Amino acid sequence: MYIITSKQDKRITDFSETIEYETNGNIILDNGTQIGCFREVEVHKVEEIPEEVCTEKYCYTEEKGFYVNPNYIEPVDERAEMEALKEQITDLQLALAELVEGGNA
C-alpha cells in the first residue's frame, strides 16, 4: 500500500494500491486519478495502515510513522447545526410568548 503525503505539512492526501509515474513527473493512483508531481507530494510504501487513519486527519513520516494532524479541524455538519439553531429559535419564541402573555394577565 502507498501513502501520498504533502511535502509541506506531511498530511496524508491519498492512499493507493499501485503507483505509476508519468514522464512529466505526475503520479497516477490505482483508480486512475492523477495527482500532483513529485515536487509537491511524497510517496511512502507501507506494510499496513491502521484502521483509524484517514486522509487529512493524519500525517505520516518515516521517522514518526502515523500521527494526528495538529492542524486538522473536524468538518462541521452544517445541516445539523442549522436544525439545532432553528430549534433554539423556536424555543426562544415560545419562551418570549409565555413571558409576554404572563405579563398581560
PDB file of N, CA and C in Angstrom:
ATOM      1  N   MET A   1       0.850  -1.169   0.000  1.00  0.00           N
ATOM      2  CA  MET A   1       0.000   0.000   0.000  1.00  0.00           C
ATOM      3  C   MET A   1       0.899   1.237   0.000  1.00  0.00           C
ATOM      4  N   TYR A   2       0.437   2.263  -0.716  1.00  0.00           N
ATOM      5  CA  TYR A   2       1.186   3.511  -0.789  1.00  0.00           C
ATOM      6  C   TYR A   2       0.394   4.621  -0.105  1.00  0.00           C
ATOM      7  N   ILE A   3       1.120   5.509   0.537  1.00  0.00           N
ATOM      8  CA  ILE A   3       0.543   6.691   1.171  1.00  0.00           C
ATOM      9  C   ILE A   3       1.136   7.896   0.461  1.00  0.00           C
ATOM     10  N   ILE A   4       0.286   8.833   0.104  1.00  0.00           N
ATOM     11  CA  ILE A   4       0.753  10.058  -0.523  1.00  0.00           C
ATOM     12  C   ILE A   4       0.580  11.176   0.496  1.00  0.00           C
ATOM     13  N   THR A   5       1.672  11.908   0.767  1.00  0.00           N
ATOM     14  CA  THR A   5       1.622  12.996   1.732  1.00  0.00           C
ATOM     15  C   THR A   5       2.067  14.302   1.086  1.00  0.00           C
ATOM     16  N   SER A   6       1.578  15.379   1.640  1.00  0.00           N
ATOM     17  CA  SER A   6       2.009  16.704   1.212  1.00  0.00           C
ATOM     18  C   SER A   6       3.434  16.925   1.699  1.00  0.00           C
ATOM     19  N   LYS A   7       4.307  17.408   0.831  1.00  0.00           N
ATOM     20  CA  LYS A   7       5.682  17.693   1.252  1.00  0.00           C
ATOM     21  C   LYS A   7       5.701  18.816   2.277  1.00  0.00           C
ATOM     22  N   GLN A   8       4.767  19.729   2.156  1.00  0.00           N
ATOM     23  CA  GLN A   8       4.755  20.910   3.020  1.00  0.00           C
ATOM     24  C   GLN A   8       4.445  20.571   4.474  1.00  0.00           C
ATOM     25  N   ASP A   9       3.338  19.860   4.724  1.00  0.00           N
ATOM     26  CA  ASP A   9       2.935  19.630   6.115  1.00  0.00           C
ATOM     27  C   ASP A   9       2.786  18.156   6.492  1.00  0.00           C
ATOM     28  N   LYS A  10       3.141  17.267   5.586  1.00  0.00           N
ATOM     29  CA  LYS A  10       3.167  15.814   5.827  1.00  0.00           C
ATOM     30  C   LYS A  10       1.793  15.177   6.025  1.00  0.00           C
ATOM     31  N   ARG A  11       0.704  15.917   5.748  1.00  0.00           N
ATOM     32  CA  ARG A  11      -0.632  15.339   5.904  1.00  0.00           C
ATOM     33  C   ARG A  11      -0.891  14.341   4.785  1.00  0.00           C
ATOM     34  N   ILE A  12      -1.604  13.279   5.121  1.00  0.00           N
ATOM     35  CA  ILE A  12      -1.931  12.246   4.138  1.00  0.00           C
ATOM     36  C   ILE A  12      -3.024  12.783   3.218  1.00  0.00           C
ATOM     37  N   THR A  13      -2.757  12.735   1.920  1.00  0.00           N
ATOM     38  CA  THR A  13      -3.733  13.227   0.948  1.00  0.00           C
ATOM     39  C   THR A  13      -4.417  12.102   0.176  1.00  0.00           C
ATOM     40  N   ASP A  14      -3.749  10.949   0.046  1.00  0.00           N
ATOM     41  CA  ASP A  14      -4.316   9.829  -0.714  1.00  0.00           C
ATOM     42  C   ASP A  14      -3.688   8.517  -0.279  1.00  0.00           C
ATOM     43  N   PHE A  15      -4.391   7.421  -0.634  1.00  0.00           N
ATOM     44  CA  PHE A  15      -3.872   6.059  -0.484  1.00  0.00           C
ATOM     45  C   PHE A  15      -3.980   5.405  -1.850  1.00  0.00           C
ATOM     46  N   SER A  16      -3.118   4.447  -2.141  1.00  0.00           N
ATOM     47  CA  SER A  16      -3.203   3.746  -3.415  1.00  0.00           C
ATOM     48  C   SER A  16      -2.537   2.379  -3.306  1.00  0.00           C
ATOM     49  N   GLU A  17      -3.115   1.403  -3.997  1.00  0.00           N
ATOM     50  CA  GLU A  17      -2.512   0.069  -4.058  1.00  0.00           C
ATOM     51  C   GLU A  17      -1.306   0.063  -4.994  1.00  0.00           C
ATOM     52  N   THR A  18      -1.383   0.873  -6.042  1.00  0.00           N
ATOM     53  CA  THR A  18      -0.290   0.952  -7.011  1.00  0.00           C
ATOM     54  C   THR A  18       0.020   2.414  -7.296  1.00  0.00           C
ATOM     55  N   ILE A  19       1.198   2.643  -7.806  1.00  0.00           N
ATOM     56  CA  ILE A  19       1.639   3.990  -8.182  1.00  0.00           C
ATOM     57  C   ILE A  19       2.315   3.891  -9.540  1.00  0.00           C
ATOM     58  N   GLU A  20       1.975   4.822 -10.418  1.00  0.00           N
ATOM     59  CA  GLU A  20       2.669   4.938 -11.697  1.00  0.00           C
ATOM     60  C   GLU A  20       3.124   6.381 -11.848  1.00  0.00           C
ATOM     61  N   TYR A  21       4.211   6.573 -12.565  1.00  0.00           N
ATOM     62  CA  TYR A  21       4.737   7.916 -12.785  1.00  0.00           C
ATOM     63  C   TYR A  21       4.714   8.230 -14.269  1.00  0.00           C
ATOM     64  N   GLU A  22       4.199   9.413 -14.613  1.00  0.00           N
ATOM     65  CA  GLU A  22       4.252   9.874 -15.997  1.00  0.00           C
ATOM     66  C   GLU A  22       5.624  10.508 -16.242  1.00  0.00           C
ATOM     67  N   THR A  23       5.979  10.682 -17.498  1.00  0.00           N
ATOM     68  CA  THR A  23       7.292  11.255 -17.815  1.00  0.00           C
ATOM     69  C   THR A  23       7.440  12.689 -17.315  1.00  0.00           C
ATOM     70  N   ASN A  24       6.316  13.396 -17.159  1.00  0.00           N
ATOM     71  CA  ASN A  24       6.385  14.775 -16.669  1.00  0.00           C
ATOM     72  C   ASN A  24       6.422  14.861 -15.138  1.00  0.00           C
ATOM     73  N   GLY A  25       6.416  13.699 -14.460  1.00  0.00           N
ATOM     74  CA  GLY A  25       6.512  13.681 -13.010  1.00  0.00           C
ATOM     75  C   GLY A  25       5.199  13.519 -12.283  1.00  0.00           C
ATOM     76  N   ASN A  26       4.073  13.597 -13.005  1.00  0.00           N
ATOM     77  CA  ASN A  26       2.784  13.399 -12.350  1.00  0.00           C
ATOM     78  C   ASN A  26       2.658  11.958 -11.871  1.00  0.00           C
ATOM     79  N   ILE A  27       1.905  11.785 -10.797  1.00  0.00           N
ATOM     80  CA  ILE A  27       1.713  10.475 -10.199  1.00  0.00           C
ATOM     81  C   ILE A  27       0.297  10.008 -10.497  1.00  0.00           C
ATOM     82  N   ILE A  28       0.163   8.743 -10.899  1.00  0.00           N
ATOM     83  CA  ILE A  28      -1.144   8.162 -11.198  1.00  0.00           C
ATOM     84  C   ILE A  28      -1.443   7.107 -10.132  1.00  0.00           C
ATOM     85  N   LEU A  29      -2.601   7.256  -9.471  1.00  0.00           N
ATOM     86  CA  LEU A  29      -3.036   6.300  -8.452  1.00  0.00           C
ATOM     87  C   LEU A  29      -3.718   5.106  -9.092  1.00  0.00           C
ATOM     88  N   ASP A  30      -4.013   4.079  -8.294  1.00  0.00           N
ATOM     89  CA  ASP A  30      -4.625   2.855  -8.815  1.00  0.00           C
ATOM     90  C   ASP A  30      -6.018   3.080  -9.398  1.00  0.00           C
ATOM     91  N   ASN A  31      -6.713   4.137  -8.994  1.00  0.00           N
ATOM     92  CA  ASN A  31      -8.045   4.398  -9.547  1.00  0.00           C
ATOM     93  C   ASN A  31      -7.985   5.298 -10.777  1.00  0.00           C
ATOM     94  N   GLY A  32      -6.781   5.589 -11.266  1.00  0.00           N
ATOM     95  CA  GLY A  32      -6.618   6.410 -12.455  1.00  0.00           C
ATOM     96  C   GLY A  32      -6.523   7.892 -12.171  1.00  0.00           C
ATOM     97  N   THR A  33      -6.657   8.271 -10.916  1.00  0.00           N
ATOM     98  CA  THR A  33      -6.574   9.678 -10.553  1.00  0.00           C
ATOM     99  C   THR A  33      -5.146  10.169 -10.701  1.00  0.00           C
ATOM    100  N   GLN A  34      -4.995  11.308 -11.338  1.00  0.00           N
ATOM    101  CA  GLN A  34      -3.680  11.926 -11.485  1.00  0.00           C
ATOM    102  C   GLN A  34      -3.535  12.957 -10.373  1.00  0.00           C
ATOM    103  N   ILE A  35      -2.448  12.872  -9.623  1.00  0.00           N
ATOM    104  CA  ILE A  35      -2.214  13.850  -8.557  1.00  0.00           C
ATOM    105  C   ILE A  35      -0.961  14.635  -8.870  1.00  0.00           C
ATOM    106  N   GLY A  36      -0.649  15.597  -8.031  1.00  0.00           N
ATOM    107  CA  GLY A  36       0.499  16.470  -8.245  1.00  0.00           C
ATOM    108  C   GLY A  36       1.796  15.727  -8.492  1.00  0.00           C
ATOM    109  N   CYS A  37       2.762  16.457  -8.927  1.00  0.00           N
ATOM    110  CA  CYS A  37       4.050  15.839  -9.243  1.00  0.00           C
ATOM    111  C   CYS A  37       4.877  15.629  -7.982  1.00  0.00           C
ATOM    112  N   PHE A  38       5.970  14.928  -8.132  1.00  0.00           N
ATOM    113  CA  PHE A  38       6.820  14.552  -7.012  1.00  0.00           C
ATOM    114  C   PHE A  38       7.406  15.767  -6.288  1.00  0.00           C
ATOM    115  N   ARG A  39       7.347  16.944  -6.887  1.00  0.00           N
ATOM    116  CA  ARG A  39       7.834  18.149  -6.209  1.00  0.00           C
ATOM    117  C   ARG A  39       6.873  18.607  -5.126  1.00  0.00           C
ATOM    118  N   GLU A  40       5.605  18.206  -5.213  1.00  0.00           N
ATOM    119  CA  GLU A  40       4.572  18.654  -4.279  1.00  0.00           C
ATOM    120  C   GLU A  40       4.213  17.610  -3.232  1.00  0.00           C
ATOM    121  N   VAL A  41       4.392  16.344  -3.569  1.00  0.00           N
ATOM    122  CA  VAL A  41       3.977  15.267  -2.670  1.00  0.00           C
ATOM    123  C   VAL A  41       5.101  14.249  -2.502  1.00  0.00           C
ATOM    124  N   GLU A  42       4.967  13.436  -1.466  1.00  0.00           N
ATOM    125  CA  GLU A  42       5.889  12.333  -1.243  1.00  0.00           C
ATOM    126  C   GLU A  42       5.093  11.037  -1.266  1.00  0.00           C
ATOM    127  N   VAL A  43       5.701   9.991  -1.763  1.00  0.00           N
ATOM    128  CA  VAL A  43       5.062   8.672  -1.811  1.00  0.00           C
ATOM    129  C   VAL A  43       5.815   7.761  -0.849  1.00  0.00           C
ATOM    130  N   HIS A  44       5.055   7.105   0.025  1.00  0.00           N
ATOM    131  CA  HIS A  44       5.638   6.186   1.001  1.00  0.00           C
ATOM    132  C   HIS A  44       5.005   4.814   0.829  1.00  0.00           C
ATOM    133  N   LYS A  45       5.819   3.790   0.799  1.00  0.00           N
ATOM    134  CA  LYS A  45       5.293   2.425   0.756  1.00  0.00           C
ATOM    135  C   LYS A  45       5.273   1.904   2.187  1.00  0.00           C
ATOM    136  N   VAL A  46       4.098   1.410   2.619  1.00  0.00           N
ATOM    137  CA  VAL A  46       3.954   0.890   3.975  1.00  0.00           C
ATOM    138  C   VAL A  46       3.331  -0.498   3.910  1.00  0.00           C
ATOM    139  N   GLU A  47       3.594  -1.286   4.941  1.00  0.00           N
ATOM    140  CA  GLU A  47       3.044  -2.640   5.006  1.00  0.00           C
ATOM    141  C   GLU A  47       1.549  -2.618   5.301  1.00  0.00           C
ATOM    142  N   GLU A  48       1.155  -1.792   6.291  1.00  0.00           N
ATOM    143  CA  GLU A  48      -0.271  -1.712   6.614  1.00  0.00           C
ATOM    144  C   GLU A  48      -0.594  -0.335   7.162  1.00  0.00           C
ATOM    145  N   ILE A  49      -1.866   0.004   7.068  1.00  0.00           N
ATOM    146  CA  ILE A  49      -2.357   1.294   7.540  1.00  0.00           C
ATOM    147  C   ILE A  49      -3.347   1.016   8.663  1.00  0.00           C
ATOM    148  N   PRO A  50      -3.126   1.608   9.839  1.00  0.00           N
ATOM    149  CA  PRO A  50      -4.079   1.407  10.929  1.00  0.00           C
ATOM    150  C   PRO A  50      -5.498   1.810  10.512  1.00  0.00           C
ATOM    151  N   GLU A  51      -6.472   1.113  11.042  1.00  0.00           N
ATOM    152  CA  GLU A  51      -7.867   1.295  10.648  1.00  0.00           C
ATOM    153  C   GLU A  51      -8.367   2.730  10.815  1.00  0.00           C
ATOM    154  N   GLU A  52      -7.929   3.412  11.877  1.00  0.00           N
ATOM    155  CA  GLU A  52      -8.433   4.758  12.157  1.00  0.00           C
ATOM    156  C   GLU A  52      -7.820   5.839  11.269  1.00  0.00           C
ATOM    157  N   VAL A  53      -6.739   5.521  10.566  1.00  0.00           N
ATOM    158  CA  VAL A  53      -6.041   6.515   9.751  1.00  0.00           C
ATOM    159  C   VAL A  53      -6.868   6.867   8.515  1.00  0.00           C
ATOM    160  N   CYS A  54      -7.034   8.170   8.303  1.00  0.00           N
ATOM    161  CA  CYS A  54      -7.758   8.654   7.127  1.00  0.00           C
ATOM    162  C   CYS A  54      -7.041   9.886   6.580  1.00  0.00           C
ATOM    163  N   THR A  55      -7.390  10.260   5.363  1.00  0.00           N
ATOM    164  CA  THR A  55      -6.754  11.416   4.737  1.00  0.00           C
ATOM    165  C   THR A  55      -7.101  12.691   5.499  1.00  0.00           C
ATOM    166  N   GLU A  56      -6.213  13.651   5.403  1.00  0.00           N
ATOM    167  CA  GLU A  56      -6.315  14.975   6.021  1.00  0.00           C
ATOM    168  C   GLU A  56      -6.190  14.949   7.541  1.00  0.00           C
ATOM    169  N   LYS A  57      -6.824  13.996   8.226  1.00  0.00           N
ATOM    170  CA  LYS A  57      -6.800  13.949   9.695  1.00  0.00           C
ATOM    171  C   LYS A  57      -5.467  13.420  10.225  1.00  0.00           C
ATOM    172  N   TYR A  58      -4.764  12.657   9.412  1.00  0.00           N
ATOM    173  CA  TYR A  58      -3.497  12.056   9.844  1.00  0.00           C
ATOM    174  C   TYR A  58      -2.347  12.506   8.955  1.00  0.00           C
ATOM    175  N   CYS A  59      -1.180  12.489   9.549  1.00  0.00           N
ATOM    176  CA  CYS A  59       0.071  12.770   8.851  1.00  0.00           C
ATOM    177  C   CYS A  59       0.929  11.507   8.892  1.00  0.00           C
ATOM    178  N   TYR A  60       1.982  11.509   8.087  1.00  0.00           N
ATOM    179  CA  TYR A  60       2.900  10.375   8.089  1.00  0.00           C
ATOM    180  C   TYR A  60       4.302  10.842   7.715  1.00  0.00           C
ATOM    181  N   THR A  61       5.258  10.370   8.467  1.00  0.00           N
ATOM    182  CA  THR A  61       6.664  10.472   8.087  1.00  0.00           C
ATOM    183  C   THR A  61       7.302   9.135   8.431  1.00  0.00           C
ATOM    184  N   GLU A  62       8.377   8.807   7.758  1.00  0.00           N
ATOM    185  CA  GLU A  62       9.058   7.544   8.045  1.00  0.00           C
ATOM    186  C   GLU A  62       9.626   7.552   9.460  1.00  0.00           C
ATOM    187  N   GLU A  63      10.035   8.722   9.945  1.00  0.00           N
ATOM    188  CA  GLU A  63      10.605   8.823  11.292  1.00  0.00           C
ATOM    189  C   GLU A  63       9.536   8.652  12.372  1.00  0.00           C
ATOM    190  N   LYS A  64       8.402   9.335  12.219  1.00  0.00           N
ATOM    191  CA  LYS A  64       7.356   9.343  13.246  1.00  0.00           C
ATOM    192  C   LYS A  64       6.270   8.306  13.019  1.00  0.00           C
ATOM    193  N   GLY A  65       6.143   7.827  11.801  1.00  0.00           N
ATOM    194  CA  GLY A  65       5.031   6.940  11.473  1.00  0.00           C
ATOM    195  C   GLY A  65       3.749   7.761  11.329  1.00  0.00           C
ATOM    196  N   PHE A  66       2.613   7.168  11.680  1.00  0.00           N
ATOM    197  CA  PHE A  66       1.322   7.846  11.585  1.00  0.00           C
ATOM    198  C   PHE A  66       1.090   8.683  12.833  1.00  0.00           C
ATOM    199  N   TYR A  67       0.581   9.889  12.666  1.00  0.00           N
ATOM    200  CA  TYR A  67       0.222  10.729  13.806  1.00  0.00           C
ATOM    201  C   TYR A  67      -0.884  11.697  13.399  1.00  0.00           C
ATOM    202  N   VAL A  68      -1.653  12.141  14.381  1.00  0.00           N
ATOM    203  CA  VAL A  68      -2.781  13.037  14.119  1.00  0.00           C
ATOM    204  C   VAL A  68      -2.241  14.381  13.643  1.00  0.00           C
ATOM    205  N   ASN A  69      -2.869  14.905  12.604  1.00  0.00           N
ATOM    206  CA  ASN A  69      -2.519  16.203  12.044  1.00  0.00           C
ATOM    207  C   ASN A  69      -2.850  17.289  13.076  1.00  0.00           C
ATOM    208  N   PRO A  70      -1.849  18.012  13.579  1.00  0.00           N
ATOM    209  CA  PRO A  70      -2.121  19.026  14.596  1.00  0.00           C
ATOM    210  C   PRO A  70      -2.963  20.195  14.080  1.00  0.00           C
ATOM    211  N   ASN A  71      -3.084  20.356  12.773  1.00  0.00           N
ATOM    212  CA  ASN A  71      -3.861  21.446  12.186  1.00  0.00           C
ATOM    213  C   ASN A  71      -5.251  21.010  11.721  1.00  0.00           C
ATOM    214  N   TYR A  72      -5.601  19.749  11.979  1.00  0.00           N
ATOM    215  CA  TYR A  72      -6.875  19.228  11.494  1.00  0.00           C
ATOM    216  C   TYR A  72      -8.042  19.785  12.300  1.00  0.00           C
ATOM    217  N   ILE A  73      -9.090  20.177  11.596  1.00  0.00           N
ATOM    218  CA  ILE A  73     -10.331  20.635  12.221  1.00  0.00           C
ATOM    219  C   ILE A  73     -11.450  19.756  11.678  1.00  0.00           C
ATOM    220  N   GLU A  74     -12.215  19.159  12.607  1.00  0.00           N
ATOM    221  CA  GLU A  74     -13.330  18.297  12.192  1.00  0.00           C
ATOM    222  C   GLU A  74     -14.290  19.088  11.310  1.00  0.00           C
ATOM    223  N   PRO A  75     -14.777  18.492  10.235  1.00  0.00           N
ATOM    224  CA  PRO A  75     -15.749  19.190   9.392  1.00  0.00           C
ATOM    225  C   PRO A  75     -17.049  19.419  10.162  1.00  0.00           C
ATOM    226  N   VAL A  76     -17.705  20.510   9.846  1.00  0.00           N
ATOM    227  CA  VAL A  76     -18.951  20.875  10.508  1.00  0.00           C
ATOM    228  C   VAL A  76     -20.118  20.358   9.688  1.00  0.00           C
ATOM    229  N   ASP A  77     -21.067  19.724  10.367  1.00  0.00           N
ATOM    230  CA  ASP A  77     -22.296  19.289   9.708  1.00  0.00           C
ATOM    231  C   ASP A  77     -23.241  20.491   9.696  1.00  0.00           C
ATOM    232  N   GLU A  78     -23.216  21.253   8.595  1.00  0.00           N
ATOM    233  CA  GLU A  78     -23.972  22.497   8.519  1.00  0.00           C
ATOM    234  C   GLU A  78     -25.479  22.279   8.631  1.00  0.00           C
ATOM    235  N   ARG A  79     -25.974  21.189   8.091  1.00  0.00           N
ATOM    236  CA  ARG A  79     -27.423  20.920   8.194  1.00  0.00           C
ATOM    237  C   ARG A  79     -27.835  20.689   9.638  1.00  0.00           C
ATOM    238  N   ALA A  80     -27.054  19.894  10.367  1.00  0.00           N
ATOM    239  CA  ALA A  80     -27.369  19.618  11.763  1.00  0.00           C
ATOM    240  C   ALA A  80     -27.287  20.899  12.586  1.00  0.00           C
ATOM    241  N   GLU A  81     -26.278  21.719  12.298  1.00  0.00           N
ATOM    242  CA  GLU A  81     -26.151  22.992  13.001  1.00  0.00           C
ATOM    243  C   GLU A  81     -27.348  23.895  12.723  1.00  0.00           C
ATOM    244  N   MET A  82     -27.788  23.939  11.484  1.00  0.00           N
ATOM    245  CA  MET A  82     -28.930  24.772  11.097  1.00  0.00           C
ATOM    246  C   MET A  82     -30.196  24.289  11.801  1.00  0.00           C
ATOM    247  N   GLU A  83     -30.399  22.988  11.854  1.00  0.00           N
ATOM    248  CA  GLU A  83     -31.575  22.438  12.543  1.00  0.00           C
ATOM    249  C   GLU A  83     -31.548  22.767  14.030  1.00  0.00           C
ATOM    250  N   ALA A  84     -30.367  22.663  14.648  1.00  0.00           N
ATOM    251  CA  ALA A  84     -30.232  22.985  16.062  1.00  0.00           C
ATOM    252  C   ALA A  84     -30.542  24.459  16.306  1.00  0.00           C
ATOM    253  N   LEU A  85     -30.089  25.329  15.423  1.00  0.00           N
ATOM    254  CA  LEU A  85     -30.384  26.758  15.558  1.00  0.00           C
ATOM    255  C   LEU A  85     -31.875  27.043  15.385  1.00  0.00           C
ATOM    256  N   LYS A  86     -32.513  26.354  14.445  1.00  0.00           N
ATOM    257  CA  LYS A  86     -33.964  26.523  14.252  1.00  0.00           C
ATOM    258  C   LYS A  86     -34.717  26.122  15.517  1.00  0.00           C
ATOM    259  N   GLU A  87     -34.303  25.017  16.132  1.00  0.00           N
ATOM    260  CA  GLU A  87     -34.946  24.564  17.369  1.00  0.00           C
ATOM    261  C   GLU A  87     -34.752  25.585  18.484  1.00  0.00           C
ATOM    262  N   GLN A  88     -33.556  26.146  18.576  1.00  0.00           N
ATOM    263  CA  GLN A  88     -33.285  27.154  19.599  1.00  0.00           C
ATOM    264  C   GLN A  88     -34.160  28.390  19.390  1.00  0.00           C
ATOM    265  N   ILE A  89     -34.299  28.805  18.146  1.00  0.00           N
ATOM    266  CA  ILE A  89     -35.138  29.976  17.841  1.00  0.00           C
ATOM    267  C   ILE A  89     -36.576  29.701  18.223  1.00  0.00           C
ATOM    268  N   THR A  90     -37.071  28.524  17.881  1.00  0.00           N
ATOM    269  CA  THR A  90     -38.444  28.162  18.236  1.00  0.00           C
ATOM    270  C   THR A  90     -38.628  28.170  19.750  1.00  0.00           C
ATOM    271  N   ASP A  91     -37.688  27.595  20.482  1.00  0.00           N
ATOM    272  CA  ASP A  91     -37.754  27.574  21.944  1.00  0.00           C
ATOM    273  C   ASP A  91     -37.760  28.994  22.505  1.00  0.00           C
ATOM    274  N   LEU A  92     -36.911  29.853  21.954  1.00  0.00           N
ATOM    275  CA  LEU A  92     -36.862  31.234  22.418  1.00  0.00           C
ATOM    276  C   LEU A  92     -38.164  31.984  22.111  1.00  0.00           C
ATOM    277  N   GLN A  93     -38.733  31.730  20.937  1.00  0.00           N
ATOM    278  CA  GLN A  93     -40.005  32.366  20.584  1.00  0.00           C
ATOM    279  C   GLN A  93     -41.113  31.935  21.538  1.00  0.00           C
ATOM    280  N   LEU A  94     -41.152  30.649  21.878  1.00  0.00           N
ATOM    281  CA  LEU A  94     -42.165  30.151  22.821  1.00  0.00           C
ATOM    282  C   LEU A  94     -41.957  30.754  24.207  1.00  0.00           C
ATOM    283  N   ALA A  95     -40.717  30.829  24.655  1.00  0.00           N
ATOM    284  CA  ALA A  95     -40.429  31.391  25.974  1.00  0.00           C
ATOM    285  C   ALA A  95     -40.804  32.876  26.007  1.00  0.00           C
ATOM    286  N   LEU A  96     -40.529  33.598  24.939  1.00  0.00           N
ATOM    287  CA  LEU A  96     -40.883  35.008  24.855  1.00  0.00           C
ATOM    288  C   LEU A  96     -42.395  35.193  24.858  1.00  0.00           C
ATOM    289  N   ALA A  97     -43.105  34.342  24.125  1.00  0.00           N
ATOM    290  CA  ALA A  97     -44.569  34.419  24.091  1.00  0.00           C
ATOM    291  C   ALA A  97     -45.153  34.179  25.469  1.00  0.00           C
ATOM    292  N   GLU A  98     -44.584  33.216  26.201  1.00  0.00           N
ATOM    293  CA  GLU A  98     -45.046  32.949  27.564  1.00  0.00           C
ATOM    294  C   GLU A  98     -44.820  34.155  28.459  1.00  0.00           C
ATOM    295  N   LEU A  99     -43.670  34.805  28.332  1.00  0.00           N
ATOM    296  CA  LEU A  99     -43.374  35.988  29.139  1.00  0.00           C
ATOM    297  C   LEU A  99     -44.333  37.131  28.818  1.00  0.00           C
ATOM    298  N   VAL A 100     -44.582  37.344  27.549  1.00  0.00           N
ATOM    299  CA  VAL A 100     -45.469  38.423  27.120  1.00  0.00           C
ATOM    300  C   VAL A 100     -46.886  38.145  27.598  1.00  0.00           C
ATOM    301  N   GLU A 101     -47.371  36.928  27.415  1.00  0.00           N
ATOM    302  CA  GLU A 101     -48.714  36.576  27.859  1.00  0.00           C
ATOM    303  C   GLU A 101     -48.820  36.636  29.374  1.00  0.00           C
ATOM    304  N   GLY A 102     -47.802  36.201  30.070  1.00  0.00           N
ATOM    305  CA  GLY A 102     -47.791  36.228  31.531  1.00  0.00           C
ATOM    306  C   GLY A 102     -47.816  37.650  32.055  1.00  0.00           C
ATOM    307  N   GLY A 103     -47.201  38.574  31.331  1.00  0.00           N
ATOM    308  CA  GLY A 103     -47.179  39.973  31.744  1.00  0.00           C
ATOM    309  C   GLY A 103     -48.490  40.680  31.547  1.00  0.00           C
ATOM    310  N   ASN A 104     -49.362  40.151  30.651  1.00  0.00           N
ATOM    311  CA  ASN A 104     -50.658  40.783  30.360  1.00  0.00           C
ATOM    312  C   ASN A 104     -51.752  40.277  31.286  1.00  0.00           C
ATOM    313  N   ALA A 105     -51.497  39.266  32.049  1.00  0.00           N
ATOM    314  CA  ALA A 105     -52.539  38.702  32.896  1.00  0.00           C
ATOM    315  C   ALA A 105     -52.822  39.523  34.117  1.00  0.00           C
TER     316      ALA A 105
END
